[in-house]
Protein backbone atom coordinates (compact mmCIF):
# COMPACT_ATOMS: atom_id res chain seq x y z
CA MET A 1 61.54 69.69 136.84
CA THR A 2 60.26 72.98 135.80
CA SER A 3 63.51 74.69 136.80
CA TYR A 4 65.55 72.19 134.85
CA ARG A 5 64.00 73.31 131.40
CA PRO A 6 64.91 76.97 131.79
CA ALA A 7 68.50 76.26 132.60
CA ASP A 8 68.76 73.84 129.76
CA SER A 9 67.10 76.00 127.19
CA LYS A 10 69.55 79.05 128.27
CA ARG A 11 72.53 76.59 128.06
CA GLU A 12 71.29 75.64 124.45
CA GLU A 13 70.83 79.30 123.61
CA PHE A 14 74.41 80.23 124.99
CA ARG A 15 75.86 77.24 122.87
CA LYS A 16 74.14 78.44 119.71
CA TYR A 17 75.51 82.10 120.49
CA LEU A 18 79.00 80.69 120.87
CA GLU A 19 78.65 78.77 117.59
CA LYS A 20 77.40 81.76 115.68
CA VAL A 21 79.96 84.08 116.71
CA GLY A 22 82.81 81.51 115.87
CA VAL A 23 83.92 80.95 119.55
CA LEU A 24 83.46 77.20 119.42
CA ASP A 25 85.38 76.86 115.98
CA ALA A 26 88.17 79.07 117.53
CA LEU A 27 88.49 76.97 120.55
CA THR A 28 88.33 73.77 118.58
CA LYS A 29 91.14 74.78 116.27
CA VAL A 30 93.30 75.83 119.18
CA LEU A 31 92.63 72.65 121.14
CA VAL A 32 93.25 70.48 117.94
CA GLY A 33 96.57 72.37 117.62
CA LEU A 34 97.46 71.68 121.04
CA TYR A 35 96.49 67.96 120.75
CA GLU A 36 98.83 67.65 117.57
CA GLU A 37 101.88 69.50 119.36
CA PRO A 38 104.53 66.85 119.33
CA GLU A 39 106.07 68.34 122.44
CA LYS A 40 103.26 69.52 124.94
CA PRO A 41 103.92 72.78 126.43
CA ASN A 42 104.46 73.01 130.19
CA ASN A 43 101.58 75.68 130.41
CA ALA A 44 98.59 74.70 128.33
CA LEU A 45 96.86 78.05 129.33
CA ASP A 46 99.60 80.15 127.90
CA PHE A 47 99.56 77.91 124.80
CA LEU A 48 95.82 78.67 124.56
CA ARG A 49 96.10 82.48 125.07
CA GLN A 50 98.91 82.86 122.63
CA HIS A 51 97.03 80.92 119.84
CA LEU A 52 93.72 82.36 120.43
CA GLY A 53 95.12 85.93 120.53
CA ALA A 54 96.93 85.47 117.29
CA SER A 55 94.14 84.43 115.20
CA GLY A 56 91.11 86.01 113.60
CA PRO A 57 90.24 89.44 112.39
CA GLU A 58 92.26 91.05 115.33
CA THR A 59 95.49 90.28 113.57
CA ALA A 60 94.34 92.28 110.53
CA ASP A 61 93.20 95.19 112.76
CA VAL A 62 96.63 95.10 114.62
CA GLU A 63 98.51 95.17 111.26
CA ALA A 64 96.37 98.14 109.98
CA LEU A 65 96.97 99.97 113.11
CA ARG A 66 100.70 99.39 112.80
CA LEU A 67 100.72 100.56 109.26
CA GLU A 68 98.74 103.72 110.37
CA VAL A 69 101.20 104.49 113.02
CA SER A 70 104.09 104.21 110.65
CA GLU A 71 102.52 106.48 108.37
CA LEU A 72 101.70 108.98 111.03
CA LYS A 73 105.15 108.92 112.32
CA GLN A 74 106.58 109.68 108.94
CA LYS A 75 104.12 112.57 108.64
CA LEU A 76 104.99 113.94 112.07
CA GLU A 77 108.71 113.83 111.01
CA GLN A 78 107.84 115.75 107.78
CA LEU A 79 105.85 118.37 109.57
CA THR A 80 108.42 118.81 112.24
CA GLU A 81 111.01 119.35 109.46
CA GLU A 82 108.64 121.85 107.61
CA ASN A 83 107.97 123.65 111.22
CA THR A 84 111.80 124.10 111.70
CA GLU A 85 112.13 125.39 108.26
CA LEU A 86 109.40 127.90 108.49
CA LYS A 87 110.54 128.86 112.01
CA GLY A 88 114.01 129.67 110.45
CA LYS A 89 112.32 131.73 107.72
CA LEU A 90 110.27 133.60 110.15
CA GLN A 91 113.41 134.60 112.23
CA GLN A 92 114.84 136.36 109.18
CA TYR A 93 111.80 138.76 109.12
CA GLU A 94 111.18 139.19 112.99
CA PRO A 95 114.32 141.00 113.63
CA GLN A 96 113.58 143.49 110.80
CA ALA A 97 110.06 144.09 112.29
CA ASP A 98 111.53 144.85 115.72
CA GLU A 99 113.91 147.38 114.15
CA GLN A 100 111.22 149.01 112.49
CA ALA A 101 109.03 149.24 115.60
CA ALA A 102 112.04 150.74 117.40
CA ALA A 103 112.58 153.37 114.77
CA GLU A 104 109.15 154.61 115.21
């Protein structure tokens, strides 16, 4: 009997943890969504994966990262253009520097 109590308390502690971090709520919502589906999917696990992965704060994080990537791509494009322009200007002055060194 003594070994039954610690396992039960660990189980209860784990349940409280899952409830606290929102796992139980998320699972419940996805399972209710699956229950309410008029046409049940062939693969319920894929349904769960798809709907669990698309909810919660991760979606906002992904959207923020996509926006950041888009902004960084634009900045890279601008800097690449600027770099090309500056290299062209530098080429105007480099031949003169080579001619002066040869004349000395």
